[in-house]
Amino acid sequence: MENSIHPFSHSDFSSGAETEVPEKMQVVDEQGSTSISYIIRLNGKDYFMKRLRPELQAHEVYRNLYRKEFELGISFSSPYIVAYNKLKDDEEDVYILRENVVGATLKEKLTTAPEYFHKSSNIMRLMLQLLEALRHIHERQVVHADLKPDNIMLTRINNDVKLIDFGFSFADKFTSSAGRTLEFAAPEQKRNEAIDARTDIYAFGVLMKYVYNKADVQMPKRVKRIVQRCMEPTPAKRFQRAEDIVMALQHRSKCHQ
């Protein structure tokens, strides 16, 4: 067992009357400002653990972010959204266990294998899968609110999208957000105004522009029109739903209605 940050006791992994002892624990990122990340193995299966840093566990605001992320995450059921498994939240510790996605973030993939995106069908696949993930969360009255290359993973086996990290998300029952990433934030988000699904649609447009630029691929005119509409400063002028973008990409509707 590899763990140099903060020792775990067997009770940390208890479930009812039974205690699960991790067969493996490996720190994968200890540089996070609020969390430490691990890969752990329980009953032969690997999980990703995001653990609130010990020095922050007395702060309720950080605990609430973990509670929000887990409650929202556990409500989703999509192949393109990471699966959440468990929240531990007591006086001893705070952590989330979720599906361990073997692969790379979109940011990493664009750095290590930009040639993957030189094939137009691969970019289209990325866009359609990400839009399906957005459709799924928006139908559940959730805005991701932090759509960026670091929060999108591509699986090792099939390069499928996995949307991660709902700590900054907005929902009817969670109306405050702890932050945003300015590079991908919509104008209304930067002004601390009301946000909705169209805020994610703006970020989707910025994200697609980022992908084409980083991969050094020329954006087709049709896609450029779609991206420009996603990035309209006024929400009412953007696509209103993720499904509308899918239809435009698949030639089932016109970009300009």
C-alpha atoms as a PDB file:
ATOM      1  CA  MET A   1       0.000   0.000   0.000  1.00  0.00           C
ATOM      2  CA  GLU A   2       1.433   3.366  -1.033  1.00  0.00           C
ATOM      3  CA  ASN A   3       0.356   6.342   1.029  1.00  0.00           C
ATOM      4  CA  SER A   4       2.569   9.103   2.333  1.00  0.00           C
ATOM      5  CA  ILE A   5       0.053  11.877   2.944  1.00  0.00           C
ATOM      6  CA  HIS A   6      -2.348  10.988   5.724  1.00  0.00           C
ATOM      7  CA  PRO A   7      -2.723   7.448   7.097  1.00  0.00           C
ATOM      8  CA  PHE A   8      -6.037   5.678   6.630  1.00  0.00           C
ATOM      9  CA  SER A   9      -7.540   3.330   9.161  1.00  0.00           C
ATOM     10  CA  HIS A  10      -9.560   0.265   8.195  1.00  0.00           C
ATOM     11  CA  SER A  11     -12.668   2.061   9.428  1.00  0.00           C
ATOM     12  CA  ASP A  12     -12.264   4.561   6.597  1.00  0.00           C
ATOM     13  CA  PHE A  13     -13.478   1.877   4.197  1.00  0.00           C
ATOM     14  CA  SER A  14     -16.097   0.237   6.363  1.00  0.00           C
ATOM     15  CA  SER A  15     -19.497  -0.510   4.929  1.00  0.00           C
ATOM     16  CA  GLY A  16     -22.068  -1.524   7.494  1.00  0.00           C
ATOM     17  CA  ALA A  17     -20.744  -4.431   9.518  1.00  0.00           C
ATOM     18  CA  GLU A  18     -18.034  -5.228   6.977  1.00  0.00           C
ATOM     19  CA  THR A  19     -14.661  -3.572   6.549  1.00  0.00           C
ATOM     20  CA  GLU A  20     -13.011  -3.295   3.155  1.00  0.00           C
ATOM     21  CA  VAL A  21      -9.233  -3.080   3.257  1.00  0.00           C
ATOM     22  CA  PRO A  22      -7.676  -1.477   0.155  1.00  0.00           C
ATOM     23  CA  GLU A  23      -5.429  -3.857  -1.708  1.00  0.00           C
ATOM     24  CA  LYS A  24      -3.605  -0.899  -3.279  1.00  0.00           C
ATOM     25  CA  MET A  25      -3.410   2.812  -2.643  1.00  0.00           C
ATOM     26  CA  GLN A  26      -1.337   5.158  -4.758  1.00  0.00           C
ATOM     27  CA  VAL A  27      -1.133   8.936  -4.610  1.00  0.00           C
ATOM     28  CA  VAL A  28      -1.588  10.319  -8.115  1.00  0.00           C
ATOM     29  CA  ASP A  29      -1.805  14.034  -7.337  1.00  0.00           C
ATOM     30  CA  GLU A  30      -0.942  15.684  -4.054  1.00  0.00           C
ATOM     31  CA  GLN A  31      -0.553  19.199  -5.467  1.00  0.00           C
ATOM     32  CA  GLY A  32      -4.242  20.134  -5.595  1.00  0.00           C
ATOM     33  CA  SER A  33      -5.120  23.267  -3.649  1.00  0.00           C
ATOM     34  CA  THR A  34      -8.059  21.578  -1.933  1.00  0.00           C
ATOM     35  CA  SER A  35      -7.698  17.853  -2.574  1.00  0.00           C
ATOM     36  CA  ILE A  36      -5.350  14.886  -2.760  1.00  0.00           C
ATOM     37  CA  SER A  37      -6.051  12.250  -5.410  1.00  0.00           C
ATOM     38  CA  TYR A  38      -5.463   8.510  -5.144  1.00  0.00           C
ATOM     39  CA  ILE A  39      -6.053   5.325  -7.070  1.00  0.00           C
ATOM     40  CA  ILE A  40      -7.224   2.640  -4.674  1.00  0.00           C
ATOM     41  CA  ARG A  41      -8.166  -0.993  -5.241  1.00  0.00           C
ATOM     42  CA  LEU A  42     -11.060  -2.560  -3.360  1.00  0.00           C
ATOM     43  CA  ASN A  43     -12.185  -6.138  -4.007  1.00  0.00           C
ATOM     44  CA  GLY A  44     -10.062  -6.308  -7.140  1.00  0.00           C
ATOM     45  CA  LYS A  45     -11.463  -3.105  -8.665  1.00  0.00           C
ATOM     46  CA  ASP A  46      -9.707   0.239  -9.021  1.00  0.00           C
ATOM     47  CA  TYR A  47     -11.399   3.474  -7.957  1.00  0.00           C
ATOM     48  CA  PHE A  48     -10.401   7.106  -8.094  1.00  0.00           C
ATOM     49  CA  MET A  49     -10.441   8.815  -4.702  1.00  0.00           C
ATOM     50  CA  LYS A  50     -10.628  12.586  -4.299  1.00  0.00           C
ATOM     51  CA  ARG A  51      -9.905  13.463  -0.695  1.00  0.00           C
ATOM     52  CA  LEU A  52     -10.283  16.836   0.995  1.00  0.00           C
ATOM     53  CA  ARG A  53      -6.931  17.977   2.307  1.00  0.00           C
ATOM     54  CA  PRO A  54      -6.677  17.348   6.081  1.00  0.00           C
ATOM     55  CA  GLU A  55      -6.004  21.005   6.844  1.00  0.00           C
ATOM     56  CA  LEU A  56      -9.305  21.991   5.166  1.00  0.00           C
ATOM     57  CA  GLN A  57     -11.596  19.413   6.709  1.00  0.00           C
ATOM     58  CA  ALA A  58     -12.749  21.761   9.452  1.00  0.00           C
ATOM     59  CA  HIS A  59     -14.122  24.195   6.848  1.00  0.00           C
ATOM     60  CA  GLU A  60     -17.767  23.566   6.068  1.00  0.00           C
ATOM     61  CA  VAL A  61     -17.604  25.369   2.717  1.00  0.00           C
ATOM     62  CA  TYR A  62     -15.214  22.738   1.343  1.00  0.00           C
ATOM     63  CA  ARG A  63     -17.212  19.870   2.801  1.00  0.00           C
ATOM     64  CA  ASN A  64     -20.302  21.260   1.095  1.00  0.00           C
ATOM     65  CA  LEU A  65     -18.536  21.195  -2.276  1.00  0.00           C
ATOM     66  CA  TYR A  66     -17.867  17.476  -1.835  1.00  0.00           C
ATOM     67  CA  ARG A  67     -21.463  16.836  -0.761  1.00  0.00           C
ATOM     68  CA  LYS A  68     -22.751  18.721  -3.788  1.00  0.00           C
ATOM     69  CA  GLU A  69     -20.457  16.981  -6.245  1.00  0.00           C
ATOM     70  CA  PHE A  70     -21.404  13.552  -4.957  1.00  0.00           C
ATOM     71  CA  GLU A  71     -25.145  14.189  -4.778  1.00  0.00           C
ATOM     72  CA  LEU A  72     -25.197  15.522  -8.322  1.00  0.00           C
ATOM     73  CA  GLY A  73     -22.799  12.896  -9.659  1.00  0.00           C
ATOM     74  CA  ILE A  74     -24.692   9.944  -8.225  1.00  0.00           C
ATOM     75  CA  SER A  75     -27.859  11.134  -9.995  1.00  0.00           C
ATOM     76  CA  PHE A  76     -26.366  10.763 -13.477  1.00  0.00           C
ATOM     77  CA  SER A  77     -26.467   7.626 -15.592  1.00  0.00           C
ATOM     78  CA  SER A  78     -24.634   8.177 -18.851  1.00  0.00           C
ATOM     79  CA  PRO A  79     -21.713   6.373 -20.496  1.00  0.00           C
ATOM     80  CA  TYR A  80     -20.173   9.799 -21.089  1.00  0.00           C
ATOM     81  CA  ILE A  81     -20.222  10.939 -17.445  1.00  0.00           C
ATOM     82  CA  VAL A  82     -17.965   9.496 -14.763  1.00  0.00           C
ATOM     83  CA  ALA A  83     -19.803   7.221 -12.298  1.00  0.00           C
ATOM     84  CA  TYR A  84     -19.812   8.125  -8.595  1.00  0.00           C
ATOM     85  CA  ASN A  85     -19.695   5.387  -5.964  1.00  0.00           C
ATOM     86  CA  LYS A  86     -19.333   6.657  -2.408  1.00  0.00           C
ATOM     87  CA  LEU A  87     -19.055   9.733  -0.197  1.00  0.00           C
ATOM     88  CA  LYS A  88     -17.409   9.571   3.217  1.00  0.00           C
ATOM     89  CA  ASP A  89     -18.269  12.647   5.241  1.00  0.00           C
ATOM     90  CA  ASP A  90     -17.771  12.488   8.982  1.00  0.00           C
ATOM     91  CA  GLU A  91     -15.615  13.985  11.714  1.00  0.00           C
ATOM     92  CA  GLU A  92     -12.668  11.796  10.670  1.00  0.00           C
ATOM     93  CA  ASP A  93     -12.466  12.326   6.922  1.00  0.00           C
ATOM     94  CA  VAL A  94     -14.032  13.600   3.693  1.00  0.00           C
ATOM     95  CA  TYR A  95     -13.549  11.886   0.348  1.00  0.00           C
ATOM     96  CA  ILE A  96     -15.347  10.788  -2.818  1.00  0.00           C
ATOM     97  CA  LEU A  97     -14.864   7.444  -4.522  1.00  0.00           C
ATOM     98  CA  ARG A  98     -15.688   7.359  -8.209  1.00  0.00           C
ATOM     99  CA  GLU A  99     -15.017   5.372 -11.337  1.00  0.00           C
ATOM    100  CA  ASN A 100     -11.336   5.257 -12.223  1.00  0.00           C
ATOM    101  CA  VAL A 101     -11.085   6.408 -15.823  1.00  0.00           C
ATOM    102  CA  VAL A 102      -7.995   4.994 -17.498  1.00  0.00           C
ATOM    103  CA  GLY A 103      -7.003   7.452 -20.184  1.00  0.00           C
ATOM    104  CA  ALA A 104      -6.051  11.107 -20.483  1.00  0.00           C
ATOM    105  CA  THR A 105      -7.713  14.462 -20.084  1.00  0.00           C
ATOM    106  CA  LEU A 106      -8.562  16.274 -23.286  1.00  0.00           C
ATOM    107  CA  LYS A 107      -5.785  18.741 -22.468  1.00  0.00           C
ATOM    108  CA  GLU A 108      -3.263  15.904 -22.112  1.00  0.00           C
ATOM    109  CA  LYS A 109      -4.453  14.184 -25.290  1.00  0.00           C
ATOM    110  CA  LEU A 110      -4.034  17.370 -27.302  1.00  0.00           C
ATOM    111  CA  THR A 111      -0.468  17.644 -26.003  1.00  0.00           C
ATOM    112  CA  THR A 112       0.667  14.031 -26.347  1.00  0.00           C
ATOM    113  CA  ALA A 113      -1.324  12.901 -29.399  1.00  0.00           C
ATOM    114  CA  PRO A 114      -2.534  15.916 -31.388  1.00  0.00           C
ATOM    115  CA  GLU A 115      -2.579  13.766 -34.532  1.00  0.00           C
ATOM    116  CA  TYR A 116      -5.655  11.986 -33.146  1.00  0.00           C
ATOM    117  CA  PHE A 117      -7.621  15.178 -33.823  1.00  0.00           C
ATOM    118  CA  HIS A 118      -6.336  15.522 -37.372  1.00  0.00           C
ATOM    119  CA  LYS A 119      -9.077  13.098 -38.375  1.00  0.00           C
ATOM    120  CA  SER A 120     -12.351  15.024 -38.627  1.00  0.00           C
ATOM    121  CA  SER A 121     -14.412  12.013 -37.544  1.00  0.00           C
ATOM    122  CA  ASN A 122     -12.554  11.951 -34.214  1.00  0.00           C
ATOM    123  CA  ILE A 123     -13.384  15.590 -33.506  1.00  0.00           C
ATOM    124  CA  MET A 124     -17.007  14.950 -34.490  1.00  0.00           C
ATOM    125  CA  ARG A 125     -17.087  11.955 -32.141  1.00  0.00           C
ATOM    126  CA  LEU A 126     -15.741  14.116 -29.317  1.00  0.00           C
ATOM    127  CA  MET A 127     -18.331  16.831 -29.942  1.00  0.00           C
ATOM    128  CA  LEU A 128     -21.309  14.475 -30.159  1.00  0.00           C
ATOM    129  CA  GLN A 129     -20.384  12.510 -27.043  1.00  0.00           C
ATOM    130  CA  LEU A 130     -19.771  15.676 -25.044  1.00  0.00           C
ATOM    131  CA  LEU A 131     -23.082  17.123 -26.223  1.00  0.00           C
ATOM    132  CA  GLU A 132     -24.852  13.949 -25.119  1.00  0.00           C
ATOM    133  CA  ALA A 133     -23.285  14.339 -21.673  1.00  0.00           C
ATOM    134  CA  LEU A 134     -24.487  17.956 -21.541  1.00  0.00           C
ATOM    135  CA  ARG A 135     -27.974  16.970 -22.680  1.00  0.00           C
ATOM    136  CA  HIS A 136     -28.093  14.416 -19.873  1.00  0.00           C
ATOM    137  CA  ILE A 137     -27.131  16.825 -17.090  1.00  0.00           C
ATOM    138  CA  HIS A 138     -29.258  19.688 -18.423  1.00  0.00           C
ATOM    139  CA  GLU A 139     -32.337  17.435 -18.458  1.00  0.00           C
ATOM    140  CA  ARG A 140     -31.660  16.935 -14.749  1.00  0.00           C
ATOM    141  CA  GLN A 141     -31.563  20.700 -14.170  1.00  0.00           C
ATOM    142  CA  VAL A 142     -27.795  20.819 -13.680  1.00  0.00           C
ATOM    143  CA  VAL A 143     -25.296  23.224 -15.256  1.00  0.00           C
ATOM    144  CA  HIS A 144     -21.720  21.957 -15.187  1.00  0.00           C
ATOM    145  CA  ALA A 145     -20.372  25.542 -15.103  1.00  0.00           C
ATOM    146  CA  ASP A 146     -16.722  24.518 -15.464  1.00  0.00           C
ATOM    147  CA  LEU A 147     -16.467  22.873 -18.862  1.00  0.00           C
ATOM    148  CA  LYS A 148     -12.782  22.833 -19.852  1.00  0.00           C
ATOM    149  CA  PRO A 149     -10.145  20.437 -21.238  1.00  0.00           C
ATOM    150  CA  ASP A 150      -9.059  19.360 -17.736  1.00  0.00           C
ATOM    151  CA  ASN A 151     -12.605  18.199 -16.915  1.00  0.00           C
ATOM    152  CA  ILE A 152     -13.057  15.999 -19.972  1.00  0.00           C
ATOM    153  CA  MET A 153     -11.343  12.630 -20.136  1.00  0.00           C
ATOM    154  CA  LEU A 154     -10.866  10.333 -23.106  1.00  0.00           C
ATOM    155  CA  THR A 155     -10.694   6.636 -22.321  1.00  0.00           C
ATOM    156  CA  ARG A 156      -7.620   4.626 -23.239  1.00  0.00           C
ATOM    157  CA  ILE A 157      -9.456   1.797 -25.007  1.00  0.00           C
ATOM    158  CA  ASN A 158     -11.915   3.642 -27.217  1.00  0.00           C
ATOM    159  CA  ASN A 159     -11.291   7.380 -26.742  1.00  0.00           C
ATOM    160  CA  ASP A 160     -14.780   7.822 -25.312  1.00  0.00           C
ATOM    161  CA  VAL A 161     -15.686  11.010 -23.447  1.00  0.00           C
ATOM    162  CA  LYS A 162     -16.024  10.995 -19.669  1.00  0.00           C
ATOM    163  CA  LEU A 163     -17.175  14.303 -18.189  1.00  0.00           C
ATOM    164  CA  ILE A 164     -15.774  14.778 -14.678  1.00  0.00           C
ATOM    165  CA  ASP A 165     -15.706  17.188 -11.721  1.00  0.00           C
ATOM    166  CA  PHE A 166     -19.074  18.624 -10.700  1.00  0.00           C
ATOM    167  CA  GLY A 167     -17.722  20.616  -7.755  1.00  0.00           C
ATOM    168  CA  PHE A 168     -18.501  23.969  -9.390  1.00  0.00           C
ATOM    169  CA  SER A 169     -21.849  22.882 -10.829  1.00  0.00           C
ATOM    170  CA  PHE A 170     -25.111  24.758 -10.425  1.00  0.00           C
ATOM    171  CA  ALA A 171     -28.502  23.158  -9.765  1.00  0.00           C
ATOM    172  CA  ASP A 172     -31.890  24.122  -8.366  1.00  0.00           C
ATOM    173  CA  LYS A 173     -30.890  22.879  -4.916  1.00  0.00           C
ATOM    174  CA  PHE A 174     -27.266  24.033  -5.179  1.00  0.00           C
ATOM    175  CA  THR A 175     -27.489  27.622  -6.356  1.00  0.00           C
ATOM    176  CA  SER A 176     -23.996  28.758  -5.434  1.00  0.00           C
ATOM    177  CA  SER A 177     -20.793  27.942  -7.288  1.00  0.00           C
ATOM    178  CA  ALA A 178     -17.326  28.124  -5.766  1.00  0.00           C
ATOM    179  CA  GLY A 179     -15.634  29.339  -8.899  1.00  0.00           C
ATOM    180  CA  ARG A 180     -15.120  29.217 -12.639  1.00  0.00           C
ATOM    181  CA  THR A 181     -12.343  29.025 -15.219  1.00  0.00           C
ATOM    182  CA  LEU A 182     -12.222  32.439 -16.862  1.00  0.00           C
ATOM    183  CA  GLU A 183     -10.871  31.210 -20.197  1.00  0.00           C
ATOM    184  CA  PHE A 184     -14.012  29.132 -20.778  1.00  0.00           C
ATOM    185  CA  ALA A 185     -16.576  31.114 -18.751  1.00  0.00           C
ATOM    186  CA  ALA A 186     -19.554  32.763 -20.438  1.00  0.00           C
ATOM    187  CA  PRO A 187     -20.022  36.549 -20.119  1.00  0.00           C
ATOM    188  CA  GLU A 188     -22.950  36.138 -17.711  1.00  0.00           C
ATOM    189  CA  GLN A 189     -20.820  33.878 -15.544  1.00  0.00           C
ATOM    190  CA  LYS A 190     -18.014  36.425 -15.389  1.00  0.00           C
ATOM    191  CA  ARG A 191     -20.552  39.058 -14.351  1.00  0.00           C
ATOM    192  CA  ASN A 192     -21.927  36.779 -11.606  1.00  0.00           C
ATOM    193  CA  GLU A 193     -25.363  36.843 -13.232  1.00  0.00           C
ATOM    194  CA  ALA A 194     -27.867  34.005 -13.509  1.00  0.00           C
ATOM    195  CA  ILE A 195     -26.624  30.992 -15.462  1.00  0.00           C
ATOM    196  CA  ASP A 196     -28.393  28.141 -17.225  1.00  0.00           C
ATOM    197  CA  ALA A 197     -27.770  25.468 -19.865  1.00  0.00           C
ATOM    198  CA  ARG A 198     -26.716  28.139 -22.361  1.00  0.00           C
ATOM    199  CA  THR A 199     -23.727  28.918 -20.126  1.00  0.00           C
ATOM    200  CA  ASP A 200     -22.398  25.416 -20.820  1.00  0.00           C
ATOM    201  CA  ILE A 201     -23.192  25.883 -24.509  1.00  0.00           C
ATOM    202  CA  TYR A 202     -20.966  28.971 -24.572  1.00  0.00           C
ATOM    203  CA  ALA A 203     -18.164  26.988 -22.921  1.00  0.00           C
ATOM    204  CA  PHE A 204     -18.682  24.183 -25.451  1.00  0.00           C
ATOM    205  CA  GLY A 205     -18.035  26.681 -28.260  1.00  0.00           C
ATOM    206  CA  VAL A 206     -14.854  27.961 -26.600  1.00  0.00           C
ATOM    207  CA  LEU A 207     -13.765  24.378 -26.013  1.00  0.00           C
ATOM    208  CA  MET A 208     -14.186  23.393 -29.668  1.00  0.00           C
ATOM    209  CA  LYS A 209     -12.219  26.444 -30.770  1.00  0.00           C
ATOM    210  CA  TYR A 210      -9.502  25.385 -28.319  1.00  0.00           C
ATOM    211  CA  VAL A 211      -9.406  21.829 -29.741  1.00  0.00           C
ATOM    212  CA  TYR A 212      -9.001  22.964 -33.342  1.00  0.00           C
ATOM    213  CA  ASN A 213      -6.330  25.517 -32.385  1.00  0.00           C
ATOM    214  CA  LYS A 214      -4.287  23.162 -30.211  1.00  0.00           C
ATOM    215  CA  ALA A 215      -4.473  20.359 -32.781  1.00  0.00           C
ATOM    216  CA  ASP A 216      -3.467  22.838 -35.501  1.00  0.00           C
ATOM    217  CA  VAL A 217      -6.434  21.826 -37.639  1.00  0.00           C
ATOM    218  CA  GLN A 218      -8.461  24.225 -39.781  1.00  0.00           C
ATOM    219  CA  MET A 219     -12.035  24.467 -38.601  1.00  0.00           C
ATOM    220  CA  PRO A 220     -14.582  23.709 -41.361  1.00  0.00           C
ATOM    221  CA  LYS A 221     -16.798  26.670 -42.241  1.00  0.00           C
ATOM    222  CA  ARG A 222     -19.937  24.834 -41.124  1.00  0.00           C
ATOM    223  CA  VAL A 223     -18.413  24.023 -37.728  1.00  0.00           C
ATOM    224  CA  LYS A 224     -17.101  27.587 -37.436  1.00  0.00           C
ATOM    225  CA  ARG A 225     -20.640  28.955 -37.836  1.00  0.00           C
ATOM    226  CA  ILE A 226     -21.883  26.580 -35.140  1.00  0.00           C
ATOM    227  CA  VAL A 227     -19.066  27.529 -32.766  1.00  0.00           C
ATOM    228  CA  GLN A 228     -19.674  31.234 -33.356  1.00  0.00           C
ATOM    229  CA  ARG A 229     -23.342  30.825 -32.509  1.00  0.00           C
ATOM    230  CA  CYS A 230     -22.461  28.906 -29.345  1.00  0.00           C
ATOM    231  CA  MET A 231     -20.219  31.801 -28.331  1.00  0.00           C
ATOM    232  CA  GLU A 232     -22.720  34.613 -28.845  1.00  0.00           C
ATOM    233  CA  PRO A 233     -22.348  37.052 -25.915  1.00  0.00           C
ATOM    234  CA  THR A 234     -26.131  37.179 -25.466  1.00  0.00           C
ATOM    235  CA  PRO A 235     -27.576  33.834 -24.252  1.00  0.00           C
ATOM    236  CA  ALA A 236     -30.789  34.269 -26.268  1.00  0.00           C
ATOM    237  CA  LYS A 237     -28.760  34.287 -29.510  1.00  0.00           C
ATOM    238  CA  ARG A 238     -26.972  31.020 -28.756  1.00  0.00           C
ATOM    239  CA  PHE A 239     -28.217  27.519 -29.377  1.00  0.00           C
ATOM    240  CA  GLN A 240     -30.713  26.929 -26.594  1.00  0.00           C
ATOM    241  CA  ARG A 241     -30.130  23.206 -26.079  1.00  0.00           C
ATOM    242  CA  ALA A 242     -27.341  20.716 -26.626  1.00  0.00           C
ATOM    243  CA  GLU A 243     -29.695  18.787 -28.920  1.00  0.00           C
ATOM    244  CA  ASP A 244     -29.918  21.804 -31.233  1.00  0.00           C
ATOM    245  CA  ILE A 245     -26.164  21.732 -31.737  1.00  0.00           C
ATOM    246  CA  VAL A 246     -26.289  18.013 -32.501  1.00  0.00           C
ATOM    247  CA  MET A 247     -28.928  18.639 -35.139  1.00  0.00           C
ATOM    248  CA  ALA A 248     -26.824  21.398 -36.704  1.00  0.00           C
ATOM    249  CA  LEU A 249     -23.725  19.207 -36.752  1.00  0.00           C
ATOM    250  CA  GLN A 250     -25.647  16.362 -38.348  1.00  0.00           C
ATOM    251  CA  HIS A 251     -27.293  18.588 -40.981  1.00  0.00           C
ATOM    252  CA  ARG A 252     -30.762  18.002 -39.578  1.00  0.00           C
ATOM    253  CA  SER A 253     -31.384  21.665 -39.049  1.00  0.00           C
ATOM    254  CA  LYS A 254     -29.845  24.921 -40.207  1.00  0.00           C
ATOM    255  CA  CYS A 255     -27.472  26.883 -38.014  1.00  0.00           C
ATOM    256  CA  HIS A 256     -29.592  29.987 -38.421  1.00  0.00           C
ATOM    257  CA  GLN A 257     -33.221  29.507 -37.594  1.00  0.00           C
END
